[in-house]
N, C-alpha and C. Protein backbone atom coordinates (compact mmCIF):
# COMPACT_ATOMS: atom_id res chain seq x y z
N MET A 1 -77.57 27.39 161.02
CA MET A 1 -78.92 27.23 159.88
C MET A 1 -78.59 27.67 158.38
N VAL A 2 -79.17 26.51 157.22
CA VAL A 2 -78.78 27.28 156.10
C VAL A 2 -80.13 28.33 156.65
N LEU A 3 -79.48 29.49 155.45
CA LEU A 3 -81.58 30.40 155.65
C LEU A 3 -82.51 29.70 154.30
N GLY A 4 -83.32 30.15 154.84
CA GLY A 4 -84.71 29.56 155.09
C GLY A 4 -84.93 28.87 155.34
N MET A 5 -84.35 28.10 155.62
CA MET A 5 -85.13 26.62 156.15
C MET A 5 -84.89 26.66 157.37
N GLU A 6 -86.42 25.99 158.46
CA GLU A 6 -86.75 25.96 159.16
C GLU A 6 -85.78 25.02 160.42
N PRO A 7 -85.79 25.27 161.64
CA PRO A 7 -84.33 24.86 162.61
C PRO A 7 -84.73 22.81 162.78
N VAL A 8 -83.84 22.59 162.63
CA VAL A 8 -84.29 21.53 162.87
C VAL A 8 -83.09 20.24 163.99
N ASN A 9 -84.14 20.38 164.84
CA ASN A 9 -83.92 19.37 166.46
C ASN A 9 -82.39 18.82 165.69
N PRO A 10 -82.20 19.21 166.69
CA PRO A 10 -80.63 18.14 166.75
C PRO A 10 -80.74 16.47 166.81
N PRO A 11 -80.39 15.66 166.67
CA PRO A 11 -80.03 14.76 165.73
C PRO A 11 -80.30 13.60 167.18
N ASN A 12 -81.09 12.44 166.48
CA ASN A 12 -80.60 11.56 168.26
C ASN A 12 -79.86 10.27 167.68
N GLY A 13 -79.77 9.02 167.99
CA GLY A 13 -79.37 7.72 166.79
C GLY A 13 -80.02 7.54 165.99
N GLU A 14 -81.29 7.86 166.69
CA GLU A 14 -82.60 6.76 165.58
C GLU A 14 -82.52 7.03 164.45
N ALA A 15 -82.75 8.85 164.45
CA ALA A 15 -82.61 10.02 162.75
C ALA A 15 -81.19 9.65 162.55
N LEU A 16 -79.37 9.40 162.45
CA LEU A 16 -78.79 9.17 162.24
C LEU A 16 -78.64 8.28 161.06
N VAL A 17 -79.46 7.05 162.11
CA VAL A 17 -79.34 5.83 161.03
C VAL A 17 -80.15 5.95 160.29
N ALA A 18 -81.47 6.75 160.21
CA ALA A 18 -82.33 6.48 159.50
C ALA A 18 -81.81 6.88 158.56
N LEU A 19 -81.04 8.22 158.62
CA LEU A 19 -80.05 8.98 157.48
C LEU A 19 -78.99 8.17 156.36
N ALA A 20 -79.19 7.47 157.52
CA ALA A 20 -77.74 6.61 156.41
C ALA A 20 -78.32 4.85 155.53
N SER A 21 -79.71 4.54 156.60
CA SER A 21 -80.42 3.35 155.71
C SER A 21 -81.45 3.91 155.14
N THR A 22 -82.63 5.45 154.91
CA THR A 22 -83.26 5.11 153.99
C THR A 22 -82.87 5.52 152.75
N ARG A 23 -83.71 4.99 152.22
CA ARG A 23 -83.01 5.36 150.49
C ARG A 23 -83.74 6.29 150.01
N MET A 24 -83.45 6.85 148.93
CA MET A 24 -84.22 8.09 147.79
C MET A 24 -85.46 7.73 147.03
N PRO A 25 -86.38 7.65 147.13
CA PRO A 25 -87.63 6.35 146.83
C PRO A 25 -88.03 6.94 145.40
N PHE A 26 -86.97 7.77 144.75
CA PHE A 26 -87.45 8.42 143.21
C PHE A 26 -87.07 9.53 143.61
N GLY A 27 -86.79 9.23 141.21
CA GLY A 27 -85.58 11.17 140.69
C GLY A 27 -84.50 10.21 140.68
N ARG A 28 -84.16 10.78 140.59
CA ARG A 28 -82.47 10.94 139.41
C ARG A 28 -81.18 10.70 141.29
N TYR A 29 -81.56 10.10 141.96
CA TYR A 29 -80.79 8.97 142.91
C TYR A 29 -82.11 8.20 143.04
N GLU A 30 -82.54 7.78 143.39
CA GLU A 30 -83.59 7.26 143.25
C GLU A 30 -82.90 5.66 143.70
N GLY A 31 -83.10 5.37 145.53
CA GLY A 31 -81.61 4.40 145.58
C GLY A 31 -80.49 4.02 146.32
N THR A 32 -80.12 5.66 146.78
CA THR A 32 -79.65 6.41 147.19
C THR A 32 -80.11 6.32 148.34
N ALA A 33 -78.63 6.34 149.93
CA ALA A 33 -79.46 6.79 150.86
C ALA A 33 -78.93 7.88 150.92
N ILE A 34 -80.53 8.72 151.75
CA ILE A 34 -80.68 9.88 151.78
C ILE A 34 -79.48 10.86 152.35
N LEU A 35 -78.25 10.70 153.16
CA LEU A 35 -76.95 11.09 153.95
C LEU A 35 -76.43 10.76 153.02
N ASP A 36 -76.32 10.13 151.40
CA ASP A 36 -75.40 9.95 150.82
C ASP A 36 -76.22 11.11 149.29
N LEU A 37 -76.29 12.24 149.46
CA LEU A 37 -77.40 12.35 148.65
C LEU A 37 -76.68 13.57 148.04
N PRO A 38 -76.11 14.20 146.87
CA PRO A 38 -74.91 15.63 146.75
C PRO A 38 -75.79 17.03 147.87
N GLU A 39 -75.24 17.20 148.15
CA GLU A 39 -75.35 18.08 148.37
C GLU A 39 -76.07 19.74 147.17
N PRO A 40 -75.82 19.68 146.03
CA PRO A 40 -75.98 20.46 145.48
C PRO A 40 -78.05 20.22 144.36
N TYR A 41 -77.62 18.78 145.04
CA TYR A 41 -79.93 17.81 145.22
C TYR A 41 -79.64 18.26 145.87
N LEU A 42 -79.93 18.75 147.47
CA LEU A 42 -80.53 18.81 148.69
C LEU A 42 -81.04 20.24 148.15
N LEU A 43 -79.76 21.38 148.45
CA LEU A 43 -79.99 22.53 147.79
C LEU A 43 -80.85 22.48 147.08
N TRP A 44 -81.22 21.82 145.65
CA TRP A 44 -82.56 22.10 144.82
C TRP A 44 -83.86 21.89 145.38
N PHE A 45 -83.70 20.53 146.13
CA PHE A 45 -85.00 20.00 146.68
C PHE A 45 -85.61 21.87 147.84
N GLN A 46 -84.64 22.31 148.68
CA GLN A 46 -84.51 23.28 149.31
C GLN A 46 -85.65 24.51 148.65
N HIS A 47 -84.97 24.79 147.85
CA HIS A 47 -85.75 26.38 146.80
C HIS A 47 -87.11 25.57 146.42
N LYS A 48 -87.04 24.17 146.04
CA LYS A 48 -88.83 24.21 145.04
C LYS A 48 -89.33 23.90 145.93
N GLY A 49 -88.81 23.04 147.43
CA GLY A 49 -89.78 22.71 148.71
C GLY A 49 -89.27 21.10 148.68
N MET A 50 -89.34 20.79 150.72
CA MET A 50 -89.23 19.35 150.30
C MET A 50 -90.14 18.96 150.60
N PRO A 51 -89.54 16.87 150.45
CA PRO A 51 -91.28 16.53 150.37
C PRO A 51 -91.77 16.30 151.32
N LYS A 52 -93.11 16.74 151.50
CA LYS A 52 -93.45 16.33 152.99
C LYS A 52 -93.44 15.55 153.63
N GLY A 53 -93.29 14.99 155.19
CA GLY A 53 -93.08 14.99 155.76
C GLY A 53 -91.66 13.69 156.30
N THR A 54 -91.83 12.32 156.64
CA THR A 54 -90.26 11.87 157.30
C THR A 54 -88.89 11.93 155.71
N LEU A 55 -89.63 11.97 155.18
CA LEU A 55 -88.61 12.16 153.58
C LEU A 55 -87.63 13.56 153.65
N GLY A 56 -89.41 14.15 153.70
CA GLY A 56 -88.68 16.55 153.62
C GLY A 56 -87.05 16.47 155.01
N ARG A 57 -87.91 15.75 156.10
CA ARG A 57 -87.37 15.82 157.89
C ARG A 57 -85.85 15.12 157.63
N LEU A 58 -85.49 14.05 156.87
CA LEU A 58 -84.35 13.59 156.29
C LEU A 58 -83.74 14.89 155.78
N MET A 59 -84.20 15.29 154.57
CA MET A 59 -83.25 15.18 154.07
C MET A 59 -82.73 16.82 154.09
N ALA A 60 -83.29 17.71 155.22
CA ALA A 60 -84.33 18.29 155.37
C ALA A 60 -81.77 18.90 156.09
N LEU A 61 -82.51 17.30 157.47
CA LEU A 61 -81.33 16.92 158.16
C LEU A 61 -79.52 16.52 157.32
N ALA A 62 -79.89 16.04 155.80
CA ALA A 62 -78.50 15.69 155.50
C ALA A 62 -77.95 16.51 155.49
N LEU A 63 -79.18 18.24 154.79
CA LEU A 63 -78.63 19.34 153.86
C LEU A 63 -77.74 20.17 155.28
N GLU A 64 -78.72 19.86 155.99
CA GLU A 64 -77.37 21.07 157.67
C GLU A 64 -76.41 20.27 157.86
N ILE A 65 -76.47 18.82 157.52
CA ILE A 65 -75.68 18.27 158.67
C ILE A 65 -74.64 17.62 156.76
N LYS A 66 -74.51 18.54 156.13
CA LYS A 66 -73.43 18.96 154.49
C LYS A 66 -72.84 20.04 154.54
N ALA A 67 -73.99 21.38 155.02
CA ALA A 67 -73.59 22.65 155.59
C ALA A 67 -73.04 22.96 156.05
N ASN A 68 -73.16 22.31 156.38
CA ASN A 68 -72.09 22.49 158.45
C ASN A 68 -70.67 21.54 158.79
N GLY A 69 -70.30 20.66 156.81
CA GLY A 69 -69.73 20.01 157.20
C GLY A 69 -68.88 19.31 158.74
N LEU A 70 -70.50 18.99 159.04
CA LEU A 70 -70.43 18.03 160.02
C LEU A 70 -70.64 15.91 158.85
N GLU A 71 -69.98 16.10 158.28
CA GLU A 71 -70.38 14.38 157.83
C GLU A 71 -69.07 13.03 158.73
N GLY A 72 -68.44 14.18 159.23
CA GLY A 72 -67.44 13.70 159.74
C GLY A 72 -67.87 12.64 161.15
N LEU A 73 -68.56 14.18 161.45
CA LEU A 73 -69.11 13.79 163.58
C LEU A 73 -70.19 12.50 163.02
N VAL A 74 -71.34 13.02 161.59
CA VAL A 74 -72.10 11.96 161.95
C VAL A 74 -71.59 10.41 161.47
N ALA A 75 -70.30 10.67 160.43
CA ALA A 75 -70.21 9.00 160.74
C ALA A 75 -69.47 8.26 161.20
N GLU A 76 -68.80 9.84 163.01
CA GLU A 76 -68.12 8.91 163.96
C GLU A 76 -69.91 8.39 165.14
N ALA A 77 -70.81 9.35 164.41
CA ALA A 77 -71.66 8.52 165.61
C ALA A 77 -72.40 7.59 165.43
N LEU A 78 -72.71 7.21 163.63
CA LEU A 78 -73.11 6.30 163.52
C LEU A 78 -72.50 4.86 163.43
N ARG A 79 -70.78 4.68 163.80
CA ARG A 79 -70.17 3.87 164.07
C ARG A 79 -70.41 2.99 165.63
N ARG A 80 -70.29 4.44 165.97
CA ARG A 80 -70.70 4.01 167.91
C ARG A 80 -72.07 2.98 167.89
N HIS A 81 -73.00 3.26 167.14
CA HIS A 81 -74.06 2.46 166.67
C HIS A 81 -74.29 1.74 166.23
N GLY A 82 -72.73 0.94 165.55
CA GLY A 82 -72.75 0.09 164.71
C GLY A 82 -72.90 0.05 163.34
N ILE A 83 -72.48 1.12 162.71
CA ILE A 83 -72.85 0.83 161.67
C ILE A 83 -71.69 1.91 160.53
N ASP A 84 -70.76 1.54 159.46
CA ASP A 84 -70.31 1.95 159.19
C ASP A 84 -70.47 1.99 158.42
N VAL A 85 -70.74 3.29 157.52
CA VAL A 85 -70.94 3.89 157.11
C VAL A 85 -69.75 3.52 154.81
N ARG A 86 -69.63 3.41 155.38
CA ARG A 86 -68.09 3.13 154.43
C ARG A 86 -68.00 1.63 154.08
N ALA A 87 -68.16 0.50 155.79
CA ALA A 87 -68.30 -0.72 154.82
C ALA A 87 -69.90 -1.08 155.06
N ALA A 88 -70.71 -0.72 154.38
CA ALA A 88 -72.18 -0.76 154.46
C ALA A 88 -72.13 -0.82 152.92
N ALA A 89 -72.95 -2.91 152.89
CA ALA A 89 -72.56 -3.21 150.56
C ALA A 89 -73.38 -1.94 150.66
N GLY A 90 -73.10 -1.08 149.38
CA GLY A 90 -74.05 -0.83 148.71
C GLY A 90 -73.34 0.89 148.25
N HIS A 91 -73.03 1.41 149.77
CA HIS A 91 -72.32 2.38 149.34
C HIS A 91 -71.47 2.84 149.42
N PRO A 92 -71.11 4.33 148.38
CA PRO A 92 -70.40 4.15 147.24
C PRO A 92 -68.75 3.45 147.22
N LEU A 93 -68.34 4.40 148.85
CA LEU A 93 -67.10 4.07 149.46
C LEU A 93 -66.78 2.75 149.57
N HIS A 94 -67.94 1.78 149.85
CA HIS A 94 -67.68 0.43 149.80
C HIS A 94 -66.47 -0.48 148.33
N PRO A 95 -65.64 -1.40 148.58
CA PRO A 95 -65.14 -1.83 147.43
C PRO A 95 -65.88 -2.25 146.71
N ALA A 96 -66.61 -3.10 147.33
CA ALA A 96 -67.72 -4.17 145.93
C ALA A 96 -69.31 -3.59 145.83
N ALA A 97 -69.04 -2.15 146.19
CA ALA A 97 -70.19 -1.64 146.15
C ALA A 97 -70.72 -1.65 143.96
N THR A 98 -72.33 -1.86 144.50
CA THR A 98 -73.02 -2.06 143.09
C THR A 98 -72.72 -0.54 142.86
N PRO A 99 -72.86 -0.96 141.09
CA PRO A 99 -73.07 0.44 139.68
C PRO A 99 -74.28 0.86 139.91
N SER A 100 -73.60 2.33 140.12
CA SER A 100 -75.30 3.43 140.49
C SER A 100 -75.82 3.44 139.74
N ARG A 101 -77.09 3.44 140.05
CA ARG A 101 -78.39 3.55 139.81
C ARG A 101 -79.07 4.58 139.80
N ARG A 102 -77.95 5.41 139.67
CA ARG A 102 -77.90 6.90 139.06
C ARG A 102 -78.13 7.02 137.62
N LYS A 103 -79.91 8.10 137.00
CA LYS A 103 -79.61 7.88 136.01
C LYS A 103 -78.73 8.71 135.30
N PRO A 104 -77.77 8.22 134.10
CA PRO A 104 -77.48 9.78 132.70
C PRO A 104 -78.15 11.02 132.86
N ARG A 105 -77.77 12.73 133.40
CA ARG A 105 -78.25 13.35 132.47
C ARG A 105 -78.55 14.02 130.81
């Protein structure tokens, strides 16, 4: 568990699918899948306070996954649910990925 965070229940298939399909609705990484948000960005939110509700829970789960190096296991679980995050349109690793919507620094 990441220091200072409330325990996160183990994710089920629906939570993992939501991580891969829910997009950040605002900010520097608007339009980015929650699972693809950089760990430093998630850590910044943890320090400042995660958003309330489902978005905050998904961001906390993404941080837990990244902090514990579980991205590979999550990718495998998503493939078992029929989602290949690297093949999903718009994913940064997809060959036909669209240009980033991230705002310049």
